[in-house]
Amino acid sequence: MPMLWVSNFKGGTPELVDTCYAILVLVLPFVNSRTWSYQELEIVEVVADQVAVALEESQLTREKLAEQNRALQQAAKENAMMASQAINSFQKVMSHGLRRPMHSILGLISIL
């Protein structure tokens, strides 16, 4: 499942990227540049690590759900096949079961 829309942000059309990773780029204006403190950089690093972990867990959850969906679809397909076979068997039994009494009735009517 695609996660990112990528664009050059210069009037370009966003392109769909099929990947599992996201990249956060912080661009600050150069006019009012300042020096980042160690604590601020540490906070940015911690947040980036947390985002990476969240993305990885999201991907694992997505894969697990996809596998569960495949298993459920397979089970539903098997159940539908069994139901179809049961209907066919029932119809076959009922067809043969009704044929004999019907022939008997038709035979009696023809005698009369």
PDB file of N, CA and C in Angstrom:
ATOM      1  N   MET A   1       0.844  -1.176   0.000  1.00  0.00           N
ATOM      2  CA  MET A   1       0.000   0.000   0.000  1.00  0.00           C
ATOM      3  C   MET A   1       0.883   1.231   0.000  1.00  0.00           C
ATOM      4  N   PRO A   2       0.656   2.149  -0.910  1.00  0.00           N
ATOM      5  CA  PRO A   2       1.505   3.334  -0.983  1.00  0.00           C
ATOM      6  C   PRO A   2       1.322   4.234   0.239  1.00  0.00           C
ATOM      7  N   MET A   3       2.404   4.808   0.705  1.00  0.00           N
ATOM      8  CA  MET A   3       2.341   5.656   1.892  1.00  0.00           C
ATOM      9  C   MET A   3       2.704   7.104   1.602  1.00  0.00           C
ATOM     10  N   LEU A   4       3.440   7.359   0.546  1.00  0.00           N
ATOM     11  CA  LEU A   4       3.946   8.701   0.311  1.00  0.00           C
ATOM     12  C   LEU A   4       3.490   9.258  -1.023  1.00  0.00           C
ATOM     13  N   TRP A   5       3.237  10.543  -1.032  1.00  0.00           N
ATOM     14  CA  TRP A   5       3.089  11.278  -2.272  1.00  0.00           C
ATOM     15  C   TRP A   5       4.315  12.173  -2.343  1.00  0.00           C
ATOM     16  N   VAL A   6       5.068  12.037  -3.416  1.00  0.00           N
ATOM     17  CA  VAL A   6       6.318  12.768  -3.526  1.00  0.00           C
ATOM     18  C   VAL A   6       6.186  13.813  -4.622  1.00  0.00           C
ATOM     19  N   SER A   7       6.686  14.994  -4.365  1.00  0.00           N
ATOM     20  CA  SER A   7       6.681  16.058  -5.359  1.00  0.00           C
ATOM     21  C   SER A   7       7.931  16.894  -5.156  1.00  0.00           C
ATOM     22  N   ASN A   8       8.342  17.572  -6.215  1.00  0.00           N
ATOM     23  CA  ASN A   8       9.516  18.439  -6.080  1.00  0.00           C
ATOM     24  C   ASN A   8       9.131  19.805  -5.516  1.00  0.00           C
ATOM     25  N   PHE A   9       7.836  20.044  -5.284  1.00  0.00           N
ATOM     26  CA  PHE A   9       7.313  21.276  -4.708  1.00  0.00           C
ATOM     27  C   PHE A   9       7.671  22.511  -5.521  1.00  0.00           C
ATOM     28  N   LYS A  10       7.943  22.313  -6.794  1.00  0.00           N
ATOM     29  CA  LYS A  10       8.216  23.449  -7.693  1.00  0.00           C
ATOM     30  C   LYS A  10       7.230  23.396  -8.857  1.00  0.00           C
ATOM     31  N   GLY A  11       5.988  23.154  -8.544  1.00  0.00           N
ATOM     32  CA  GLY A  11       4.976  23.090  -9.583  1.00  0.00           C
ATOM     33  C   GLY A  11       4.849  21.724 -10.211  1.00  0.00           C
ATOM     34  N   GLY A  12       5.590  20.739  -9.688  1.00  0.00           N
ATOM     35  CA  GLY A  12       5.536  19.394 -10.239  1.00  0.00           C
ATOM     36  C   GLY A  12       4.279  18.652  -9.794  1.00  0.00           C
ATOM     37  N   THR A  13       3.901  17.673 -10.560  1.00  0.00           N
ATOM     38  CA  THR A  13       2.762  16.829 -10.199  1.00  0.00           C
ATOM     39  C   THR A  13       3.249  15.755  -9.242  1.00  0.00           C
ATOM     40  N   PRO A  14       2.566  15.576  -8.111  1.00  0.00           N
ATOM     41  CA  PRO A  14       2.999  14.531  -7.172  1.00  0.00           C
ATOM     42  C   PRO A  14       2.975  13.157  -7.837  1.00  0.00           C
ATOM     43  N   GLU A  15       3.968  12.373  -7.528  1.00  0.00           N
ATOM     44  CA  GLU A  15       4.057  11.018  -8.063  1.00  0.00           C
ATOM     45  C   GLU A  15       3.863  10.035  -6.919  1.00  0.00           C
ATOM     46  N   LEU A  16       3.165   8.957  -7.207  1.00  0.00           N
ATOM     47  CA  LEU A  16       2.908   7.932  -6.214  1.00  0.00           C
ATOM     48  C   LEU A  16       4.145   7.066  -6.044  1.00  0.00           C
ATOM     49  N   VAL A  17       4.586   6.902  -4.808  1.00  0.00           N
ATOM     50  CA  VAL A  17       5.756   6.093  -4.525  1.00  0.00           C
ATOM     51  C   VAL A  17       5.319   4.890  -3.703  1.00  0.00           C
ATOM     52  N   ASP A  18       5.598   3.693  -4.194  1.00  0.00           N
ATOM     53  CA  ASP A  18       5.217   2.469  -3.488  1.00  0.00           C
ATOM     54  C   ASP A  18       6.358   2.083  -2.556  1.00  0.00           C
ATOM     55  N   THR A  19       6.264   2.519  -1.316  1.00  0.00           N
ATOM     56  CA  THR A  19       7.322   2.256  -0.356  1.00  0.00           C
ATOM     57  C   THR A  19       6.733   2.133   1.041  1.00  0.00           C
ATOM     58  N   CYS A  20       7.527   1.677   1.971  1.00  0.00           N
ATOM     59  CA  CYS A  20       7.069   1.494   3.341  1.00  0.00           C
ATOM     60  C   CYS A  20       7.668   2.523   4.289  1.00  0.00           C
ATOM     61  N   TYR A  21       8.419   3.449   3.773  1.00  0.00           N
ATOM     62  CA  TYR A  21       9.110   4.393   4.625  1.00  0.00           C
ATOM     63  C   TYR A  21       8.687   5.810   4.310  1.00  0.00           C
ATOM     64  N   ALA A  22       8.752   6.661   5.301  1.00  0.00           N
ATOM     65  CA  ALA A  22       8.447   8.072   5.118  1.00  0.00           C
ATOM     66  C   ALA A  22       9.662   8.877   5.557  1.00  0.00           C
ATOM     67  N   ILE A  23       9.837   9.979   4.911  1.00  0.00           N
ATOM     68  CA  ILE A  23      10.959  10.852   5.253  1.00  0.00           C
ATOM     69  C   ILE A  23      10.389  12.217   5.586  1.00  0.00           C
ATOM     70  N   LEU A  24      10.756  12.727   6.740  1.00  0.00           N
ATOM     71  CA  LEU A  24      10.320  14.043   7.161  1.00  0.00           C
ATOM     72  C   LEU A  24      11.487  14.993   6.970  1.00  0.00           C
ATOM     73  N   VAL A  25      11.253  16.023   6.186  1.00  0.00           N
ATOM     74  CA  VAL A  25      12.308  17.010   5.939  1.00  0.00           C
ATOM     75  C   VAL A  25      11.825  18.337   6.484  1.00  0.00           C
ATOM     76  N   LEU A  26      12.610  18.909   7.351  1.00  0.00           N
ATOM     77  CA  LEU A  26      12.280  20.190   7.944  1.00  0.00           C
ATOM     78  C   LEU A  26      13.131  21.246   7.247  1.00  0.00           C
ATOM     79  N   VAL A  27      12.473  22.170   6.579  1.00  0.00           N
ATOM     80  CA  VAL A  27      13.189  23.222   5.852  1.00  0.00           C
ATOM     81  C   VAL A  27      12.848  24.552   6.499  1.00  0.00           C
ATOM     82  N   LEU A  28      13.851  25.202   7.018  1.00  0.00           N
ATOM     83  CA  LEU A  28      13.665  26.499   7.672  1.00  0.00           C
ATOM     84  C   LEU A  28      14.236  27.598   6.789  1.00  0.00           C
ATOM     85  N   PRO A  29      13.620  28.770   6.827  1.00  0.00           N
ATOM     86  CA  PRO A  29      14.164  29.877   6.025  1.00  0.00           C
ATOM     87  C   PRO A  29      15.568  30.248   6.508  1.00  0.00           C
ATOM     88  N   PHE A  30      16.405  30.570   5.563  1.00  0.00           N
ATOM     89  CA  PHE A  30      17.793  30.892   5.885  1.00  0.00           C
ATOM     90  C   PHE A  30      17.926  32.304   6.453  1.00  0.00           C
ATOM     91  N   VAL A  31      16.932  33.148   6.212  1.00  0.00           N
ATOM     92  CA  VAL A  31      17.004  34.552   6.638  1.00  0.00           C
ATOM     93  C   VAL A  31      17.167  34.661   8.145  1.00  0.00           C
ATOM     94  N   ASN A  32      16.359  33.952   8.873  1.00  0.00           N
ATOM     95  CA  ASN A  32      16.426  34.023  10.341  1.00  0.00           C
ATOM     96  C   ASN A  32      17.042  32.754  10.899  1.00  0.00           C
ATOM     97  N   SER A  33      18.163  32.350  10.358  1.00  0.00           N
ATOM     98  CA  SER A  33      18.764  31.100  10.812  1.00  0.00           C
ATOM     99  C   SER A  33      19.243  31.236  12.254  1.00  0.00           C
ATOM    100  N   ARG A  34      19.206  30.122  12.926  1.00  0.00           N
ATOM    101  CA  ARG A  34      19.669  30.099  14.302  1.00  0.00           C
ATOM    102  C   ARG A  34      20.367  28.779  14.546  1.00  0.00           C
ATOM    103  N   THR A  35      21.054  28.674  15.611  1.00  0.00           N
ATOM    104  CA  THR A  35      21.752  27.462  15.970  1.00  0.00           C
ATOM    105  C   THR A  35      20.833  26.622  16.859  1.00  0.00           C
ATOM    106  N   TRP A  36      20.723  25.356  16.490  1.00  0.00           N
ATOM    107  CA  TRP A  36      19.892  24.447  17.266  1.00  0.00           C
ATOM    108  C   TRP A  36      20.693  23.968  18.476  1.00  0.00           C
ATOM    109  N   SER A  37      20.023  23.913  19.607  1.00  0.00           N
ATOM    110  CA  SER A  37      20.701  23.428  20.815  1.00  0.00           C
ATOM    111  C   SER A  37      20.753  21.899  20.769  1.00  0.00           C
ATOM    112  N   TYR A  38      21.597  21.342  21.606  1.00  0.00           N
ATOM    113  CA  TYR A  38      21.732  19.897  21.693  1.00  0.00           C
ATOM    114  C   TYR A  38      20.410  19.254  22.102  1.00  0.00           C
ATOM    115  N   GLN A  39      19.701  19.878  23.067  1.00  0.00           N
ATOM    116  CA  GLN A  39      18.426  19.328  23.535  1.00  0.00           C
ATOM    117  C   GLN A  39      17.382  19.328  22.412  1.00  0.00           C
ATOM    118  N   GLU A  40      17.346  20.379  21.596  1.00  0.00           N
ATOM    119  CA  GLU A  40      16.393  20.438  20.493  1.00  0.00           C
ATOM    120  C   GLU A  40      16.686  19.351  19.460  1.00  0.00           C
ATOM    121  N   LEU A  41      17.961  19.168  19.149  1.00  0.00           N
ATOM    122  CA  LEU A  41      18.332  18.119  18.199  1.00  0.00           C
ATOM    123  C   LEU A  41      18.023  16.738  18.758  1.00  0.00           C
ATOM    124  N   GLU A  42      18.193  16.592  20.052  1.00  0.00           N
ATOM    125  CA  GLU A  42      17.884  15.314  20.688  1.00  0.00           C
ATOM    126  C   GLU A  42      16.381  15.032  20.612  1.00  0.00           C
ATOM    127  N   ILE A  43      15.564  16.042  20.820  1.00  0.00           N
ATOM    128  CA  ILE A  43      14.107  15.875  20.716  1.00  0.00           C
ATOM    129  C   ILE A  43      13.727  15.474  19.297  1.00  0.00           C
ATOM    130  N   VAL A  44      14.315  16.128  18.309  1.00  0.00           N
ATOM    131  CA  VAL A  44      14.028  15.788  16.912  1.00  0.00           C
ATOM    132  C   VAL A  44      14.416  14.338  16.634  1.00  0.00           C
ATOM    133  N   GLU A  45      15.547  13.906  17.149  1.00  0.00           N
ATOM    134  CA  GLU A  45      15.996  12.536  16.939  1.00  0.00           C
ATOM    135  C   GLU A  45      15.048  11.533  17.604  1.00  0.00           C
ATOM    136  N   VAL A  46      14.597  11.830  18.819  1.00  0.00           N
ATOM    137  CA  VAL A  46      13.675  10.942  19.531  1.00  0.00           C
ATOM    138  C   VAL A  46      12.352  10.833  18.766  1.00  0.00           C
ATOM    139  N   VAL A  47      11.836  11.973  18.301  1.00  0.00           N
ATOM    140  CA  VAL A  47      10.580  11.957  17.548  1.00  0.00           C
ATOM    141  C   VAL A  47      10.752  11.168  16.258  1.00  0.00           C
ATOM    142  N   ALA A  48      11.876  11.348  15.584  1.00  0.00           N
ATOM    143  CA  ALA A  48      12.129  10.607  14.347  1.00  0.00           C
ATOM    144  C   ALA A  48      12.187   9.107  14.622  1.00  0.00           C
ATOM    145  N   ASP A  49      12.815   8.714  15.717  1.00  0.00           N
ATOM    146  CA  ASP A  49      12.864   7.294  16.081  1.00  0.00           C
ATOM    147  C   ASP A  49      11.468   6.752  16.367  1.00  0.00           C
ATOM    148  N   GLN A  50      10.660   7.535  17.065  1.00  0.00           N
ATOM    149  CA  GLN A  50       9.294   7.100  17.379  1.00  0.00           C
ATOM    150  C   GLN A  50       8.452   6.966  16.113  1.00  0.00           C
ATOM    151  N   VAL A  51       8.627   7.881  15.175  1.00  0.00           N
ATOM    152  CA  VAL A  51       7.900   7.802  13.906  1.00  0.00           C
ATOM    153  C   VAL A  51       8.330   6.558  13.140  1.00  0.00           C
ATOM    154  N   ALA A  52       9.629   6.273  13.144  1.00  0.00           N
ATOM    155  CA  ALA A  52      10.120   5.083  12.446  1.00  0.00           C
ATOM    156  C   ALA A  52       9.540   3.809  13.059  1.00  0.00           C
ATOM    157  N   VAL A  53       9.482   3.742  14.371  1.00  0.00           N
ATOM    158  CA  VAL A  53       8.912   2.573  15.046  1.00  0.00           C
ATOM    159  C   VAL A  53       7.420   2.452  14.725  1.00  0.00           C
ATOM    160  N   ALA A  54       6.714   3.574  14.751  1.00  0.00           N
ATOM    161  CA  ALA A  54       5.280   3.555  14.443  1.00  0.00           C
ATOM    162  C   ALA A  54       5.037   3.092  13.017  1.00  0.00           C
ATOM    163  N   LEU A  55       5.855   3.551  12.082  1.00  0.00           N
ATOM    164  CA  LEU A  55       5.706   3.116  10.692  1.00  0.00           C
ATOM    165  C   LEU A  55       5.975   1.621  10.538  1.00  0.00           C
ATOM    166  N   GLU A  56       6.988   1.131  11.222  1.00  0.00           N
ATOM    167  CA  GLU A  56       7.312  -0.295  11.146  1.00  0.00           C
ATOM    168  C   GLU A  56       6.185  -1.142  11.742  1.00  0.00           C
ATOM    169  N   GLU A  57       5.653  -0.708  12.883  1.00  0.00           N
ATOM    170  CA  GLU A  57       4.542  -1.434  13.502  1.00  0.00           C
ATOM    171  C   GLU A  57       3.312  -1.390  12.611  1.00  0.00           C
ATOM    172  N   SER A  58       3.088  -0.256  11.972  1.00  0.00           N
ATOM    173  CA  SER A  58       1.953  -0.128  11.053  1.00  0.00           C
ATOM    174  C   SER A  58       2.095  -1.099   9.892  1.00  0.00           C
ATOM    175  N   GLN A  59       3.287  -1.221   9.356  1.00  0.00           N
ATOM    176  CA  GLN A  59       3.526  -2.143   8.244  1.00  0.00           C
ATOM    177  C   GLN A  59       3.318  -3.587   8.693  1.00  0.00           C
ATOM    178  N   LEU A  60       3.818  -3.937   9.870  1.00  0.00           N
ATOM    179  CA  LEU A  60       3.637  -5.295  10.389  1.00  0.00           C
ATOM    180  C   LEU A  60       2.156  -5.601  10.623  1.00  0.00           C
ATOM    181  N   THR A  61       1.435  -4.623  11.169  1.00  0.00           N
ATOM    182  CA  THR A  61       0.001  -4.803  11.388  1.00  0.00           C
ATOM    183  C   THR A  61      -0.730  -4.965  10.067  1.00  0.00           C
ATOM    184  N   ARG A  62      -0.364  -4.171   9.077  1.00  0.00           N
ATOM    185  CA  ARG A  62      -0.982  -4.267   7.757  1.00  0.00           C
ATOM    186  C   ARG A  62      -0.741  -5.645   7.150  1.00  0.00           C
ATOM    187  N   GLU A  63       0.474  -6.157   7.267  1.00  0.00           N
ATOM    188  CA  GLU A  63       0.786  -7.484   6.735  1.00  0.00           C
ATOM    189  C   GLU A  63       0.006  -8.571   7.474  1.00  0.00           C
ATOM    190  N   LYS A  64      -0.102  -8.428   8.802  1.00  0.00           N
ATOM    191  CA  LYS A  64      -0.842  -9.410   9.592  1.00  0.00           C
ATOM    192  C   LYS A  64      -2.324  -9.406   9.202  1.00  0.00           C
ATOM    193  N   LEU A  65      -2.899  -8.219   9.027  1.00  0.00           N
ATOM    194  CA  LEU A  65      -4.301  -8.122   8.626  1.00  0.00           C
ATOM    195  C   LEU A  65      -4.522  -8.675   7.222  1.00  0.00           C
ATOM    196  N   ALA A  66      -3.576  -8.446   6.332  1.00  0.00           N
ATOM    197  CA  ALA A  66      -3.696  -8.980   4.973  1.00  0.00           C
ATOM    198  C   ALA A  66      -3.684 -10.508   5.007  1.00  0.00           C
ATOM    199  N   GLU A  67      -2.836 -11.084   5.832  1.00  0.00           N
ATOM    200  CA  GLU A  67      -2.785 -12.544   5.961  1.00  0.00           C
ATOM    201  C   GLU A  67      -4.086 -13.080   6.553  1.00  0.00           C
ATOM    202  N   GLN A  68      -4.626 -12.387   7.561  1.00  0.00           N
ATOM    203  CA  GLN A  68      -5.904 -12.802   8.141  1.00  0.00           C
ATOM    204  C   GLN A  68      -7.017 -12.721   7.095  1.00  0.00           C
ATOM    205  N   ASN A  69      -7.017 -11.671   6.288  1.00  0.00           N
ATOM    206  CA  ASN A  69      -8.032 -11.536   5.239  1.00  0.00           C
ATOM    207  C   ASN A  69      -7.930 -12.668   4.227  1.00  0.00           C
ATOM    208  N   ARG A  70      -6.699 -13.030   3.858  1.00  0.00           N
ATOM    209  CA  ARG A  70      -6.528 -14.146   2.925  1.00  0.00           C
ATOM    210  C   ARG A  70      -7.075 -15.440   3.524  1.00  0.00           C
ATOM    211  N   ALA A  71      -6.798 -15.668   4.800  1.00  0.00           N
ATOM    212  CA  ALA A  71      -7.292 -16.880   5.462  1.00  0.00           C
ATOM    213  C   ALA A  71      -8.822 -16.873   5.533  1.00  0.00           C
ATOM    214  N   LEU A  72      -9.408 -15.724   5.849  1.00  0.00           N
ATOM    215  CA  LEU A  72     -10.865 -15.631   5.907  1.00  0.00           C
ATOM    216  C   LEU A  72     -11.501 -15.834   4.536  1.00  0.00           C
ATOM    217  N   GLN A  73     -10.875 -15.290   3.505  1.00  0.00           N
ATOM    218  CA  GLN A  73     -11.396 -15.481   2.152  1.00  0.00           C
ATOM    219  C   GLN A  73     -11.337 -16.948   1.749  1.00  0.00           C
ATOM    220  N   GLN A  74     -10.259 -17.620   2.094  1.00  0.00           N
ATOM    221  CA  GLN A  74     -10.125 -19.038   1.778  1.00  0.00           C
ATOM    222  C   GLN A  74     -11.183 -19.846   2.520  1.00  0.00           C
ATOM    223  N   ALA A  75     -11.396 -19.542   3.798  1.00  0.00           N
ATOM    224  CA  ALA A  75     -12.410 -20.248   4.578  1.00  0.00           C
ATOM    225  C   ALA A  75     -13.806 -19.989   4.006  1.00  0.00           C
ATOM    226  N   ALA A  76     -14.078 -18.749   3.607  1.00  0.00           N
ATOM    227  CA  ALA A  76     -15.388 -18.433   3.028  1.00  0.00           C
ATOM    228  C   ALA A  76     -15.593 -19.171   1.710  1.00  0.00           C
ATOM    229  N   LYS A  77     -14.537 -19.286   0.927  1.00  0.00           N
ATOM    230  CA  LYS A  77     -14.627 -20.008  -0.343  1.00  0.00           C
ATOM    231  C   LYS A  77     -14.928 -21.490  -0.095  1.00  0.00           C
ATOM    232  N   GLU A  78     -14.233 -22.072   0.873  1.00  0.00           N
ATOM    233  CA  GLU A  78     -14.470 -23.475   1.205  1.00  0.00           C
ATOM    234  C   GLU A  78     -15.886 -23.684   1.729  1.00  0.00           C
ATOM    235  N   ASN A  79     -16.374 -22.769   2.570  1.00  0.00           N
ATOM    236  CA  ASN A  79     -17.740 -22.874   3.087  1.00  0.00           C
ATOM    237  C   ASN A  79     -18.764 -22.756   1.962  1.00  0.00           C
ATOM    238  N   ALA A  80     -18.519 -21.871   1.013  1.00  0.00           N
ATOM    239  CA  ALA A  80     -19.441 -21.722  -0.112  1.00  0.00           C
ATOM    240  C   ALA A  80     -19.461 -22.991  -0.959  1.00  0.00           C
ATOM    241  N   MET A  81     -18.303 -23.613  -1.155  1.00  0.00           N
ATOM    242  CA  MET A  81     -18.245 -24.865  -1.921  1.00  0.00           C
ATOM    243  C   MET A  81     -18.997 -25.975  -1.193  1.00  0.00           C
ATOM    244  N   MET A  82     -18.831 -26.060   0.124  1.00  0.00           N
ATOM    245  CA  MET A  82     -19.541 -27.078   0.900  1.00  0.00           C
ATOM    246  C   MET A  82     -21.045 -26.832   0.853  1.00  0.00           C
ATOM    247  N   ALA A  83     -21.467 -25.582   0.923  1.00  0.00           N
ATOM    248  CA  ALA A  83     -22.898 -25.273   0.855  1.00  0.00           C
ATOM    249  C   ALA A  83     -23.453 -25.644  -0.510  1.00  0.00           C
ATOM    250  N   SER A  84     -22.708 -25.376  -1.547  1.00  0.00           N
ATOM    251  CA  SER A  84     -23.149 -25.719  -2.896  1.00  0.00           C
ATOM    252  C   SER A  84     -23.288 -27.236  -3.047  1.00  0.00           C
ATOM    253  N   GLN A  85     -22.319 -27.972  -2.529  1.00  0.00           N
ATOM    254  CA  GLN A  85     -22.399 -29.437  -2.589  1.00  0.00           C
ATOM    255  C   GLN A  85     -23.578 -29.960  -1.776  1.00  0.00           C
ATOM    256  N   ALA A  86     -23.848 -29.346  -0.630  1.00  0.00           N
ATOM    257  CA  ALA A  86     -24.981 -29.775   0.198  1.00  0.00           C
ATOM    258  C   ALA A  86     -26.300 -29.522  -0.531  1.00  0.00           C
ATOM    259  N   ILE A  87     -26.405 -28.376  -1.190  1.00  0.00           N
ATOM    260  CA  ILE A  87     -27.628 -28.073  -1.948  1.00  0.00           C
ATOM    261  C   ILE A  87     -27.811 -29.076  -3.076  1.00  0.00           C
ATOM    262  N   ASN A  88     -26.730 -29.345  -3.795  1.00  0.00           N
ATOM    263  CA  ASN A  88     -26.820 -30.310  -4.895  1.00  0.00           C
ATOM    264  C   ASN A  88     -27.221 -31.694  -4.393  1.00  0.00           C
ATOM    265  N   SER A  89     -26.646 -32.129  -3.289  1.00  0.00           N
ATOM    266  CA  SER A  89     -26.996 -33.440  -2.714  1.00  0.00           C
ATOM    267  C   SER A  89     -28.456 -33.477  -2.284  1.00  0.00           C
ATOM    268  N   PHE A  90     -28.903 -32.408  -1.641  1.00  0.00           N
ATOM    269  CA  PHE A  90     -30.303 -32.334  -1.205  1.00  0.00           C
ATOM    270  C   PHE A  90     -31.251 -32.393  -2.402  1.00  0.00           C
ATOM    271  N   GLN A  91     -30.934 -31.629  -3.440  1.00  0.00           N
ATOM    272  CA  GLN A  91     -31.793 -31.631  -4.621  1.00  0.00           C
ATOM    273  C   GLN A  91     -31.823 -32.996  -5.292  1.00  0.00           C
ATOM    274  N   LYS A  92     -30.675 -33.656  -5.315  1.00  0.00           N
ATOM    275  CA  LYS A  92     -30.624 -34.994  -5.917  1.00  0.00           C
ATOM    276  C   LYS A  92     -31.480 -35.975  -5.126  1.00  0.00           C
ATOM    277  N   VAL A  93     -31.363 -35.953  -3.800  1.00  0.00           N
ATOM    278  CA  VAL A  93     -32.133 -36.853  -2.948  1.00  0.00           C
ATOM    279  C   VAL A  93     -33.624 -36.546  -3.073  1.00  0.00           C
ATOM    280  N   MET A  94     -33.981 -35.274  -3.050  1.00  0.00           N
ATOM    281  CA  MET A  94     -35.390 -34.906  -3.140  1.00  0.00           C
ATOM    282  C   MET A  94     -35.957 -35.264  -4.508  1.00  0.00           C
ATOM    283  N   SER A  95     -35.170 -35.102  -5.546  1.00  0.00           N
ATOM    284  CA  SER A  95     -35.633 -35.435  -6.884  1.00  0.00           C
ATOM    285  C   SER A  95     -35.942 -36.921  -6.980  1.00  0.00           C
ATOM    286  N   HIS A  96     -35.037 -37.763  -6.510  1.00  0.00           N
ATOM    287  CA  HIS A  96     -35.258 -39.206  -6.540  1.00  0.00           C
ATOM    288  C   HIS A  96     -36.351 -39.607  -5.552  1.00  0.00           C
ATOM    289  N   GLY A  97     -36.407 -38.941  -4.420  1.00  0.00           N
ATOM    290  CA  GLY A  97     -37.398 -39.266  -3.405  1.00  0.00           C
ATOM    291  C   GLY A  97     -38.813 -38.920  -3.849  1.00  0.00           C
ATOM    292  N   LEU A  98     -38.987 -37.900  -4.655  1.00  0.00           N
ATOM    293  CA  LEU A  98     -40.326 -37.518  -5.113  1.00  0.00           C
ATOM    294  C   LEU A  98     -40.738 -38.251  -6.387  1.00  0.00           C
ATOM    295  N   ARG A  99     -39.760 -38.710  -7.123  1.00  0.00           N
ATOM    296  CA  ARG A  99     -40.073 -39.370  -8.387  1.00  0.00           C
ATOM    297  C   ARG A  99     -40.903 -40.644  -8.184  1.00  0.00           C
ATOM    298  N   ARG A 100     -40.517 -41.470  -7.222  1.00  0.00           N
ATOM    299  CA  ARG A 100     -41.201 -42.746  -6.998  1.00  0.00           C
ATOM    300  C   ARG A 100     -42.665 -42.534  -6.594  1.00  0.00           C
ATOM    301  N   PRO A 101     -42.971 -41.667  -5.601  1.00  0.00           N
ATOM    302  CA  PRO A 101     -44.388 -41.456  -5.264  1.00  0.00           C
ATOM    303  C   PRO A 101     -45.179 -40.831  -6.416  1.00  0.00           C
ATOM    304  N   MET A 102     -44.539 -39.967  -7.171  1.00  0.00           N
ATOM    305  CA  MET A 102     -45.234 -39.339  -8.301  1.00  0.00           C
ATOM    306  C   MET A 102     -45.591 -40.381  -9.354  1.00  0.00           C
ATOM    307  N   HIS A 103     -44.669 -41.288  -9.624  1.00  0.00           N
ATOM    308  CA  HIS A 103     -44.961 -42.345 -10.598  1.00  0.00           C
ATOM    309  C   HIS A 103     -46.087 -43.232 -10.102  1.00  0.00           C
ATOM    310  N   SER A 104     -46.101 -43.488  -8.798  1.00  0.00           N
ATOM    311  CA  SER A 104     -47.174 -44.306  -8.237  1.00  0.00           C
ATOM    312  C   SER A 104     -48.514 -43.621  -8.399  1.00  0.00           C
ATOM    313  N   ILE A 105     -48.561 -42.352  -8.108  1.00  0.00           N
ATOM    314  CA  ILE A 105     -49.808 -41.591  -8.228  1.00  0.00           C
ATOM    315  C   ILE A 105     -50.271 -41.548  -9.685  1.00  0.00           C
ATOM    316  N   LEU A 106     -49.316 -41.270 -10.588  1.00  0.00           N
ATOM    317  CA  LEU A 106     -49.672 -41.227 -12.022  1.00  0.00           C
ATOM    318  C   LEU A 106     -50.153 -42.597 -12.494  1.00  0.00           C
ATOM    319  N   GLY A 107     -49.558 -43.645 -11.996  1.00  0.00           N
ATOM    320  CA  GLY A 107     -49.989 -45.005 -12.361  1.00  0.00           C
ATOM    321  C   GLY A 107     -51.400 -45.277 -11.887  1.00  0.00           C
ATOM    322  N   LEU A 108     -51.713 -44.886 -10.642  1.00  0.00           N
ATOM    323  CA  LEU A 108     -53.067 -45.086 -10.114  1.00  0.00           C
ATOM    324  C   LEU A 108     -54.074 -44.254 -10.898  1.00  0.00           C
ATOM    325  N   ILE A 109     -53.720 -43.059 -11.244  1.00  0.00           N
ATOM    326  CA  ILE A 109     -54.642 -42.195 -11.994  1.00  0.00           C
ATOM    327  C   ILE A 109     -54.904 -42.788 -13.382  1.00  0.00           C
ATOM    328  N   SER A 110     -53.866 -43.344 -13.996  1.00  0.00           N
ATOM    329  CA  SER A 110     -54.052 -43.921 -15.343  1.00  0.00           C
ATOM    330  C   SER A 110     -54.931 -45.146 -15.290  1.00  0.00           C
ATOM    331  N   ILE A 111     -54.914 -45.864 -14.159  1.00  0.00           N
ATOM    332  CA  ILE A 111     -55.777 -47.057 -14.024  1.00  0.00           C
ATOM    333  C   ILE A 111     -57.233 -46.618 -13.943  1.00  0.00           C
ATOM    334  N   LEU A 112     -57.480 -45.533 -13.275  1.00  0.00           N
ATOM    335  CA  LEU A 112     -58.856 -45.069 -13.076  1.00  0.00           C
ATOM    336  C   LEU A 112     -59.330 -44.493 -14.371  1.00  0.00           C
TER     337      LEU A 112
END
